[in-house]
Structure formats: C-alpha cells, structure tokens
Amino acid sequence: MTSSLPYPDLLQYATMAAVVFGAAIAQGVGGVGFAMFAAPVAAMFFPQLAPGPLLTLGGFISLLTALRERAAIDWPSVSYALAGRAVGTLIAIYAMTRFAPQALGVLFAALILVAVALSAAGLHFSATPGRVSGAGIASGIMGTMTSVGAPPIAIVMQHAAPPRLRATLGMVLFLGSIFSLAMLAWAKRYTGYHAGLALSLAPFLLAGFAVSNRLRHRLPPRAVRAVLLAVCALGALGVLAKAFWGH
C-alpha cells in the first residue's frame, strides 16, 4: 500500500507546510480549525495527507491546545464526547471496509452545514450529556473517514467560554484521534509512510501554534464563535470536496 502513494516534490511539500502552518494558527486561536482548514486543500491537491497524517498532526496540536489551558477542561463533557466518539469510530471503520465511506461523509457534511446555518440564525444548542455524546458519535465517524471531526462537538459547545471551548475540544480531539489512528492502522489505512509524512510537517505545526499564542487573547468570545462557525462550515465543505473531487 505504501509504495502506491505519491511522495511530494519540493513545491508540494512547501505548500503542505504552508497549509499546516495556517491551520495550526486557526486551531490555536479557536480550539478548532486544523483539519477544517487543511482538509479542503488536501482533498483537492494532497490526498496522501488525509485522513492519517492530518489526524496525527491534528491530534498533536489538539493536545497542545488542551494543555495550554488545562484548568478550563470540562472533563464530564470530555467523557461523554469520547464515549460517543469511540462508537462513531467503530462505525466509520466498518463503513470504510464494507461500503463507500464518502456517502456517509456527504450526509454528515450536509448536516453540519444545516447546523451552522441554524446557529448563525440564532438557534441555541445547549451542551447536554446526550447531545455531547451524539456529537461525539458524529465526530468519530467524520474524523476517522475524513480527518474532520471537530464540527459536531464544536457546534454543541459553541456558547462555552473560549478557554473552556478550546481546552475541552482539544482533549476530546486528541484522545479521539489516538483511537481513530489505531483503528485505521488495524484496517491497514495508516502506515509508516503516513506517520513519517506527519512527522516531517510537525515543525510547521509548532510554528503556527506559537503564532496563535500571540493572537488568541485579542479575539472576544463573539468573534471566536463567529470564526468557529465559519471554520465548521469550511470543514463540511472540505468533506464535500473530498467526496466529489477527491474520488
């Protein structure tokens, strides 16, 4: 499987590095955005980045985001979301080995776009345990198949204070990415090639995260929520791009 994957040339690698750098800034500021920013570009130009390498890099920066504001982590929400994410990941692996996964990806992307539209129109989603668990299931399915797993949880938690939102999402996405990568490896869809590609791009991830440290306190909660909804919509569009352009 590894031998059939294209290795990036210098220009491709430089473009990948720029995408990872920009995505890391988005993640560090809003608590979400890494895969949402990177997945549309990867779907169209660098299919070898998704889902494994983006999940690896996204999981790492999610951990950094969570540790930076660890006192704000909402651990009950983390547990509810992870329980759902585990179920969603298993569903995604089954779908990837039995069916065409892009069909489910399109369905969930469409639902995310509807949720973003309702949120922008003023509908309030309260983060009840049931909703957080349900969002975790959707996150597990989308994250494992497309590397974009943050939107369902982000929408449910969009009215939380920015530090709580960033830290809680970061921990959910980090722990969830570990399980997703383990299942992808078990299904032989995550190899040493993917891990090596992610490792080579890690310095650009760290540079983007460092830049985000200077920006995150300059955005008020309303602006963070607006950015969050925008990147959720972008992430859903990226899933659609992967389904219709990348296949």
C-alpha atoms as a PDB file:
ATOM      1  CA  MET A   1       0.000   0.000   0.000  1.00  0.00           C
ATOM      2  CA  THR A   2       2.776   2.425   0.878  1.00  0.00           C
ATOM      3  CA  SER A   3       4.550   2.072  -2.453  1.00  0.00           C
ATOM      4  CA  SER A   4       1.488   3.227  -4.357  1.00  0.00           C
ATOM      5  CA  LEU A   5       1.323   6.557  -2.519  1.00  0.00           C
ATOM      6  CA  PRO A   6       2.890   9.576  -4.218  1.00  0.00           C
ATOM      7  CA  TYR A   7       5.768  11.262  -2.436  1.00  0.00           C
ATOM      8  CA  PRO A   8       5.527  15.067  -2.568  1.00  0.00           C
ATOM      9  CA  ASP A   9       8.027  17.061  -4.596  1.00  0.00           C
ATOM     10  CA  LEU A  10       9.588  20.216  -3.154  1.00  0.00           C
ATOM     11  CA  LEU A  11       6.800  22.556  -4.277  1.00  0.00           C
ATOM     12  CA  GLN A  12       4.097  20.208  -2.997  1.00  0.00           C
ATOM     13  CA  TYR A  13       5.891  19.840   0.316  1.00  0.00           C
ATOM     14  CA  ALA A  14       6.279  23.614   0.690  1.00  0.00           C
ATOM     15  CA  THR A  15       2.560  24.047   0.006  1.00  0.00           C
ATOM     16  CA  MET A  16       1.712  21.337   2.533  1.00  0.00           C
ATOM     17  CA  ALA A  17       3.920  23.099   5.084  1.00  0.00           C
ATOM     18  CA  ALA A  18       2.161  26.430   4.471  1.00  0.00           C
ATOM     19  CA  VAL A  19      -1.261  24.791   4.859  1.00  0.00           C
ATOM     20  CA  VAL A  20      -0.216  23.093   8.105  1.00  0.00           C
ATOM     21  CA  PHE A  21       1.200  26.397   9.428  1.00  0.00           C
ATOM     22  CA  GLY A  22      -2.029  28.306   8.691  1.00  0.00           C
ATOM     23  CA  ALA A  23      -4.221  25.501  10.039  1.00  0.00           C
ATOM     24  CA  ALA A  24      -2.223  25.418  13.282  1.00  0.00           C
ATOM     25  CA  ILE A  25      -2.857  29.147  13.789  1.00  0.00           C
ATOM     26  CA  ALA A  26      -6.595  28.605  13.302  1.00  0.00           C
ATOM     27  CA  GLN A  27      -6.602  25.713  15.773  1.00  0.00           C
ATOM     28  CA  GLY A  28      -4.600  27.594  18.393  1.00  0.00           C
ATOM     29  CA  VAL A  29      -6.881  30.638  18.285  1.00  0.00           C
ATOM     30  CA  GLY A  30     -10.304  28.993  18.132  1.00  0.00           C
ATOM     31  CA  GLY A  31      -9.770  25.496  19.531  1.00  0.00           C
ATOM     32  CA  VAL A  32     -10.859  24.039  16.198  1.00  0.00           C
ATOM     33  CA  GLY A  33      -9.863  24.573  12.635  1.00  0.00           C
ATOM     34  CA  PHE A  34      -6.806  22.457  11.919  1.00  0.00           C
ATOM     35  CA  ALA A  35      -8.368  19.713   9.837  1.00  0.00           C
ATOM     36  CA  MET A  36     -11.176  22.022   8.713  1.00  0.00           C
ATOM     37  CA  PHE A  37      -8.643  24.397   7.204  1.00  0.00           C
ATOM     38  CA  ALA A  38      -6.321  21.712   5.822  1.00  0.00           C
ATOM     39  CA  ALA A  39      -8.808  19.077   4.640  1.00  0.00           C
ATOM     40  CA  PRO A  40     -10.253  21.010   1.678  1.00  0.00           C
ATOM     41  CA  VAL A  41      -6.761  21.627   0.280  1.00  0.00           C
ATOM     42  CA  ALA A  42      -5.708  18.052   0.967  1.00  0.00           C
ATOM     43  CA  ALA A  43      -8.831  16.672  -0.692  1.00  0.00           C
ATOM     44  CA  MET A  44      -8.134  18.581  -3.873  1.00  0.00           C
ATOM     45  CA  PHE A  45      -4.336  18.515  -4.096  1.00  0.00           C
ATOM     46  CA  PHE A  46      -2.708  16.252  -1.467  1.00  0.00           C
ATOM     47  CA  PRO A  47      -4.860  13.149  -0.874  1.00  0.00           C
ATOM     48  CA  GLN A  48      -1.976  11.452   0.917  1.00  0.00           C
ATOM     49  CA  LEU A  49      -2.493  13.851   3.844  1.00  0.00           C
ATOM     50  CA  ALA A  50      -5.987  12.607   4.703  1.00  0.00           C
ATOM     51  CA  PRO A  51      -7.053  11.093   6.927  1.00  0.00           C
ATOM     52  CA  GLY A  52      -3.981   9.642   8.697  1.00  0.00           C
ATOM     53  CA  PRO A  53      -1.349  12.423   8.618  1.00  0.00           C
ATOM     54  CA  LEU A  54      -3.926  15.146   9.297  1.00  0.00           C
ATOM     55  CA  LEU A  55      -5.314  13.116  12.195  1.00  0.00           C
ATOM     56  CA  THR A  56      -1.782  12.723  13.567  1.00  0.00           C
ATOM     57  CA  LEU A  57      -0.939  16.409  13.313  1.00  0.00           C
ATOM     58  CA  GLY A  58      -4.403  17.469  14.442  1.00  0.00           C
ATOM     59  CA  GLY A  59      -4.222  15.207  17.471  1.00  0.00           C
ATOM     60  CA  PHE A  60      -0.858  16.644  18.457  1.00  0.00           C
ATOM     61  CA  ILE A  61      -1.908  20.284  18.213  1.00  0.00           C
ATOM     62  CA  SER A  62      -5.164  19.447  19.995  1.00  0.00           C
ATOM     63  CA  LEU A  63      -3.084  18.140  22.903  1.00  0.00           C
ATOM     64  CA  LEU A  64      -1.015  21.339  22.931  1.00  0.00           C
ATOM     65  CA  THR A  65      -4.219  23.410  22.916  1.00  0.00           C
ATOM     66  CA  ALA A  66      -5.680  21.423  25.814  1.00  0.00           C
ATOM     67  CA  LEU A  67      -2.519  21.564  27.928  1.00  0.00           C
ATOM     68  CA  ARG A  68      -2.122  25.312  27.396  1.00  0.00           C
ATOM     69  CA  GLU A  69      -5.475  25.924  29.174  1.00  0.00           C
ATOM     70  CA  ARG A  70      -5.802  22.639  31.047  1.00  0.00           C
ATOM     71  CA  ALA A  71      -7.505  24.217  34.077  1.00  0.00           C
ATOM     72  CA  ALA A  72     -10.504  25.036  31.841  1.00  0.00           C
ATOM     73  CA  ILE A  73     -11.090  21.452  30.614  1.00  0.00           C
ATOM     74  CA  ASP A  74     -14.694  20.302  31.155  1.00  0.00           C
ATOM     75  CA  TRP A  75     -13.952  16.660  31.997  1.00  0.00           C
ATOM     76  CA  PRO A  76     -17.590  15.438  32.093  1.00  0.00           C
ATOM     77  CA  SER A  77     -18.102  16.754  28.557  1.00  0.00           C
ATOM     78  CA  VAL A  78     -14.837  15.081  27.527  1.00  0.00           C
ATOM     79  CA  SER A  79     -16.065  11.719  28.841  1.00  0.00           C
ATOM     80  CA  TYR A  80     -19.477  11.993  27.129  1.00  0.00           C
ATOM     81  CA  ALA A  81     -17.911  13.036  23.832  1.00  0.00           C
ATOM     82  CA  LEU A  82     -15.274  10.283  23.933  1.00  0.00           C
ATOM     83  CA  ALA A  83     -17.862   7.613  24.639  1.00  0.00           C
ATOM     84  CA  GLY A  84     -19.716   8.716  21.526  1.00  0.00           C
ATOM     85  CA  ARG A  85     -16.506   9.111  19.530  1.00  0.00           C
ATOM     86  CA  ALA A  86     -15.491   5.505  20.234  1.00  0.00           C
ATOM     87  CA  VAL A  87     -18.817   4.285  18.850  1.00  0.00           C
ATOM     88  CA  GLY A  88     -18.549   6.587  15.840  1.00  0.00           C
ATOM     89  CA  THR A  89     -15.008   5.426  15.072  1.00  0.00           C
ATOM     90  CA  LEU A  90     -16.079   1.783  15.017  1.00  0.00           C
ATOM     91  CA  ILE A  91     -18.979   2.672  12.719  1.00  0.00           C
ATOM     92  CA  ALA A  92     -16.582   4.533  10.417  1.00  0.00           C
ATOM     93  CA  ILE A  93     -14.108   1.637  10.235  1.00  0.00           C
ATOM     94  CA  TYR A  94     -16.935  -0.756   9.402  1.00  0.00           C
ATOM     95  CA  ALA A  95     -18.199   1.624   6.718  1.00  0.00           C
ATOM     96  CA  MET A  96     -14.702   2.042   5.248  1.00  0.00           C
ATOM     97  CA  THR A  97     -14.192  -1.706   4.974  1.00  0.00           C
ATOM     98  CA  ARG A  98     -17.694  -2.554   3.730  1.00  0.00           C
ATOM     99  CA  PHE A  99     -19.182   0.440   1.969  1.00  0.00           C
ATOM    100  CA  ALA A 100     -18.217   3.639   0.155  1.00  0.00           C
ATOM    101  CA  PRO A 101     -17.372   5.963   3.088  1.00  0.00           C
ATOM    102  CA  GLN A 102     -17.815   9.156   1.085  1.00  0.00           C
ATOM    103  CA  ALA A 103     -21.595   8.672   1.132  1.00  0.00           C
ATOM    104  CA  LEU A 104     -21.694   8.956   4.931  1.00  0.00           C
ATOM    105  CA  GLY A 105     -19.229  11.827   4.746  1.00  0.00           C
ATOM    106  CA  VAL A 106     -21.551  13.736   2.432  1.00  0.00           C
ATOM    107  CA  LEU A 107     -24.507  13.098   4.736  1.00  0.00           C
ATOM    108  CA  PHE A 108     -22.719  14.362   7.828  1.00  0.00           C
ATOM    109  CA  ALA A 109     -21.235  17.343   5.998  1.00  0.00           C
ATOM    110  CA  ALA A 110     -24.719  18.343   4.897  1.00  0.00           C
ATOM    111  CA  LEU A 111     -25.971  18.044   8.477  1.00  0.00           C
ATOM    112  CA  ILE A 112     -23.092  20.204   9.719  1.00  0.00           C
ATOM    113  CA  LEU A 113     -23.950  22.899   7.178  1.00  0.00           C
ATOM    114  CA  VAL A 114     -27.575  22.831   8.363  1.00  0.00           C
ATOM    115  CA  ALA A 115     -26.443  23.108  11.992  1.00  0.00           C
ATOM    116  CA  VAL A 116     -24.142  26.035  11.156  1.00  0.00           C
ATOM    117  CA  ALA A 117     -26.994  27.802   9.362  1.00  0.00           C
ATOM    118  CA  LEU A 118     -29.324  27.295  12.330  1.00  0.00           C
ATOM    119  CA  SER A 119     -26.657  28.501  14.756  1.00  0.00           C
ATOM    120  CA  ALA A 120     -25.958  31.601  12.664  1.00  0.00           C
ATOM    121  CA  ALA A 121     -29.709  32.282  12.657  1.00  0.00           C
ATOM    122  CA  GLY A 122     -29.702  32.357  16.456  1.00  0.00           C
ATOM    123  CA  LEU A 123     -30.686  28.808  17.489  1.00  0.00           C
ATOM    124  CA  HIS A 124     -29.035  27.915  20.804  1.00  0.00           C
ATOM    125  CA  PHE A 125     -27.610  24.404  21.229  1.00  0.00           C
ATOM    126  CA  SER A 126     -27.198  23.520  24.911  1.00  0.00           C
ATOM    127  CA  ALA A 127     -24.436  21.050  25.727  1.00  0.00           C
ATOM    128  CA  THR A 128     -26.487  18.330  27.454  1.00  0.00           C
ATOM    129  CA  PRO A 129     -24.821  14.936  28.036  1.00  0.00           C
ATOM    130  CA  GLY A 130     -26.987  13.323  25.370  1.00  0.00           C
ATOM    131  CA  ARG A 131     -26.183  15.960  22.777  1.00  0.00           C
ATOM    132  CA  VAL A 132     -22.472  15.866  23.561  1.00  0.00           C
ATOM    133  CA  SER A 133     -22.474  12.062  23.236  1.00  0.00           C
ATOM    134  CA  GLY A 134     -24.393  12.257  19.972  1.00  0.00           C
ATOM    135  CA  ALA A 135     -21.951  14.864  18.706  1.00  0.00           C
ATOM    136  CA  GLY A 136     -19.137  12.501  19.710  1.00  0.00           C
ATOM    137  CA  ILE A 137     -20.602   9.739  17.538  1.00  0.00           C
ATOM    138  CA  ALA A 138     -20.789  12.085  14.557  1.00  0.00           C
ATOM    139  CA  SER A 139     -17.257  13.310  15.322  1.00  0.00           C
ATOM    140  CA  GLY A 140     -15.915   9.751  15.368  1.00  0.00           C
ATOM    141  CA  ILE A 141     -17.480   8.935  12.018  1.00  0.00           C
ATOM    142  CA  MET A 142     -16.380  12.143  10.301  1.00  0.00           C
ATOM    143  CA  GLY A 143     -12.957  12.289  11.936  1.00  0.00           C
ATOM    144  CA  THR A 144     -11.989   8.737  11.086  1.00  0.00           C
ATOM    145  CA  MET A 145     -13.188   8.902   7.484  1.00  0.00           C
ATOM    146  CA  THR A 146     -12.157  12.438   6.590  1.00  0.00           C
ATOM    147  CA  SER A 147      -9.894  13.760   9.433  1.00  0.00           C
ATOM    148  CA  VAL A 148     -12.517  16.498  10.091  1.00  0.00           C
ATOM    149  CA  GLY A 149     -14.074  15.530  13.425  1.00  0.00           C
ATOM    150  CA  ALA A 150     -14.447  18.777  15.353  1.00  0.00           C
ATOM    151  CA  PRO A 151     -17.616  20.403  13.887  1.00  0.00           C
ATOM    152  CA  PRO A 152     -20.301  18.338  15.676  1.00  0.00           C
ATOM    153  CA  ILE A 153     -18.783  18.895  19.127  1.00  0.00           C
ATOM    154  CA  ALA A 154     -17.829  22.490  18.391  1.00  0.00           C
ATOM    155  CA  ILE A 155     -21.397  23.375  17.433  1.00  0.00           C
ATOM    156  CA  VAL A 156     -22.850  21.805  20.581  1.00  0.00           C
ATOM    157  CA  MET A 157     -20.309  23.660  22.764  1.00  0.00           C
ATOM    158  CA  GLN A 158     -20.239  26.917  20.799  1.00  0.00           C
ATOM    159  CA  HIS A 159     -21.620  29.034  23.670  1.00  0.00           C
ATOM    160  CA  ALA A 160     -18.962  27.949  26.171  1.00  0.00           C
ATOM    161  CA  ALA A 161     -16.299  30.453  27.243  1.00  0.00           C
ATOM    162  CA  PRO A 162     -13.406  30.418  24.726  1.00  0.00           C
ATOM    163  CA  PRO A 163     -10.826  28.858  27.127  1.00  0.00           C
ATOM    164  CA  ARG A 164     -13.269  26.085  28.105  1.00  0.00           C
ATOM    165  CA  LEU A 165     -14.195  25.522  24.465  1.00  0.00           C
ATOM    166  CA  ARG A 166     -10.569  25.338  23.296  1.00  0.00           C
ATOM    167  CA  ALA A 167      -9.332  23.139  26.144  1.00  0.00           C
ATOM    168  CA  THR A 168     -12.267  20.702  26.160  1.00  0.00           C
ATOM    169  CA  LEU A 169     -12.308  20.313  22.393  1.00  0.00           C
ATOM    170  CA  GLY A 170      -8.553  19.873  22.391  1.00  0.00           C
ATOM    171  CA  MET A 171      -8.669  16.983  24.846  1.00  0.00           C
ATOM    172  CA  VAL A 172     -11.570  15.293  23.034  1.00  0.00           C
ATOM    173  CA  LEU A 173      -9.867  15.589  19.661  1.00  0.00           C
ATOM    174  CA  PHE A 174      -6.502  14.402  20.994  1.00  0.00           C
ATOM    175  CA  LEU A 175      -7.832  11.293  22.723  1.00  0.00           C
ATOM    176  CA  GLY A 176     -10.265  10.629  19.884  1.00  0.00           C
ATOM    177  CA  SER A 177      -7.504  10.862  17.273  1.00  0.00           C
ATOM    178  CA  ILE A 178      -5.482   8.179  19.076  1.00  0.00           C
ATOM    179  CA  PHE A 179      -8.372   5.731  18.854  1.00  0.00           C
ATOM    180  CA  SER A 180      -9.116   6.674  15.240  1.00  0.00           C
ATOM    181  CA  LEU A 181      -5.471   6.190  14.209  1.00  0.00           C
ATOM    182  CA  ALA A 182      -5.307   2.836  15.994  1.00  0.00           C
ATOM    183  CA  MET A 183      -8.383   1.649  14.141  1.00  0.00           C
ATOM    184  CA  LEU A 184      -7.076   2.993  10.808  1.00  0.00           C
ATOM    185  CA  ALA A 185      -3.806   1.120  11.401  1.00  0.00           C
ATOM    186  CA  TRP A 186      -5.744  -2.037  12.200  1.00  0.00           C
ATOM    187  CA  ALA A 187      -7.625  -1.594   8.901  1.00  0.00           C
ATOM    188  CA  LYS A 188      -4.236  -1.052   7.141  1.00  0.00           C
ATOM    189  CA  ARG A 189      -5.123   2.525   6.192  1.00  0.00           C
ATOM    190  CA  TYR A 190      -2.416   4.136   8.340  1.00  0.00           C
ATOM    191  CA  THR A 191       1.192   3.119   7.676  1.00  0.00           C
ATOM    192  CA  GLY A 192       4.746   4.229   8.336  1.00  0.00           C
ATOM    193  CA  TYR A 193       4.537   6.426   5.249  1.00  0.00           C
ATOM    194  CA  HIS A 194       1.674   8.422   6.763  1.00  0.00           C
ATOM    195  CA  ALA A 195       3.384   8.707  10.153  1.00  0.00           C
ATOM    196  CA  GLY A 196       6.633   9.854   8.526  1.00  0.00           C
ATOM    197  CA  LEU A 197       4.864  12.497   6.453  1.00  0.00           C
ATOM    198  CA  ALA A 198       3.151  13.846   9.564  1.00  0.00           C
ATOM    199  CA  LEU A 199       6.441  13.911  11.483  1.00  0.00           C
ATOM    200  CA  SER A 200       8.187  15.849   8.714  1.00  0.00           C
ATOM    201  CA  LEU A 201       5.479  18.547   8.853  1.00  0.00           C
ATOM    202  CA  ALA A 202       5.453  18.822  12.667  1.00  0.00           C
ATOM    203  CA  PRO A 203       7.900  21.798  12.841  1.00  0.00           C
ATOM    204  CA  PHE A 204       5.499  23.919  10.767  1.00  0.00           C
ATOM    205  CA  LEU A 205       2.679  22.879  13.080  1.00  0.00           C
ATOM    206  CA  LEU A 206       4.657  24.047  16.115  1.00  0.00           C
ATOM    207  CA  ALA A 207       5.494  27.352  14.427  1.00  0.00           C
ATOM    208  CA  GLY A 208       1.820  28.036  13.695  1.00  0.00           C
ATOM    209  CA  PHE A 209       0.836  27.155  17.254  1.00  0.00           C
ATOM    210  CA  ALA A 210       3.449  29.575  18.590  1.00  0.00           C
ATOM    211  CA  VAL A 211       1.962  32.362  16.469  1.00  0.00           C
ATOM    212  CA  SER A 212      -1.518  31.561  17.819  1.00  0.00           C
ATOM    213  CA  ASN A 213      -0.284  32.270  21.361  1.00  0.00           C
ATOM    214  CA  ARG A 214       0.033  35.923  20.397  1.00  0.00           C
ATOM    215  CA  LEU A 215      -3.420  36.101  18.807  1.00  0.00           C
ATOM    216  CA  ARG A 216      -5.819  34.123  20.999  1.00  0.00           C
ATOM    217  CA  HIS A 217      -6.358  36.807  23.681  1.00  0.00           C
ATOM    218  CA  ARG A 218      -7.123  39.501  21.121  1.00  0.00           C
ATOM    219  CA  LEU A 219     -10.416  37.970  19.969  1.00  0.00           C
ATOM    220  CA  PRO A 220     -13.604  38.484  22.072  1.00  0.00           C
ATOM    221  CA  PRO A 221     -15.947  35.499  22.657  1.00  0.00           C
ATOM    222  CA  ARG A 222     -18.414  36.656  19.982  1.00  0.00           C
ATOM    223  CA  ALA A 223     -15.620  36.809  17.415  1.00  0.00           C
ATOM    224  CA  VAL A 224     -14.355  33.361  18.444  1.00  0.00           C
ATOM    225  CA  ARG A 225     -17.866  31.944  17.977  1.00  0.00           C
ATOM    226  CA  ALA A 226     -18.169  33.566  14.540  1.00  0.00           C
ATOM    227  CA  VAL A 227     -14.808  32.161  13.496  1.00  0.00           C
ATOM    228  CA  LEU A 228     -15.770  28.760  14.906  1.00  0.00           C
ATOM    229  CA  LEU A 229     -18.968  28.602  12.842  1.00  0.00           C
ATOM    230  CA  ALA A 230     -17.096  29.750   9.752  1.00  0.00           C
ATOM    231  CA  VAL A 231     -14.441  27.066  10.044  1.00  0.00           C
ATOM    232  CA  CYS A 232     -17.098  24.426  10.802  1.00  0.00           C
ATOM    233  CA  ALA A 233     -18.774  25.341   7.526  1.00  0.00           C
ATOM    234  CA  LEU A 234     -15.397  25.244   5.786  1.00  0.00           C
ATOM    235  CA  GLY A 235     -14.738  21.820   7.258  1.00  0.00           C
ATOM    236  CA  ALA A 236     -18.048  20.499   5.989  1.00  0.00           C
ATOM    237  CA  LEU A 237     -17.332  21.927   2.553  1.00  0.00           C
ATOM    238  CA  GLY A 238     -13.950  20.220   2.694  1.00  0.00           C
ATOM    239  CA  VAL A 239     -15.628  16.872   3.324  1.00  0.00           C
ATOM    240  CA  LEU A 240     -17.884  17.508   0.327  1.00  0.00           C
ATOM    241  CA  ALA A 241     -14.853  18.455  -1.773  1.00  0.00           C
ATOM    242  CA  LYS A 242     -13.121  15.240  -0.792  1.00  0.00           C
ATOM    243  CA  ALA A 243     -16.180  13.203  -1.743  1.00  0.00           C
ATOM    244  CA  PHE A 244     -16.859  14.863  -5.087  1.00  0.00           C
ATOM    245  CA  TRP A 245     -13.394  15.968  -6.171  1.00  0.00           C
ATOM    246  CA  GLY A 246     -11.069  13.527  -4.481  1.00  0.00           C
ATOM    247  CA  HIS A 247     -12.890  10.385  -5.629  1.00  0.00           C
END
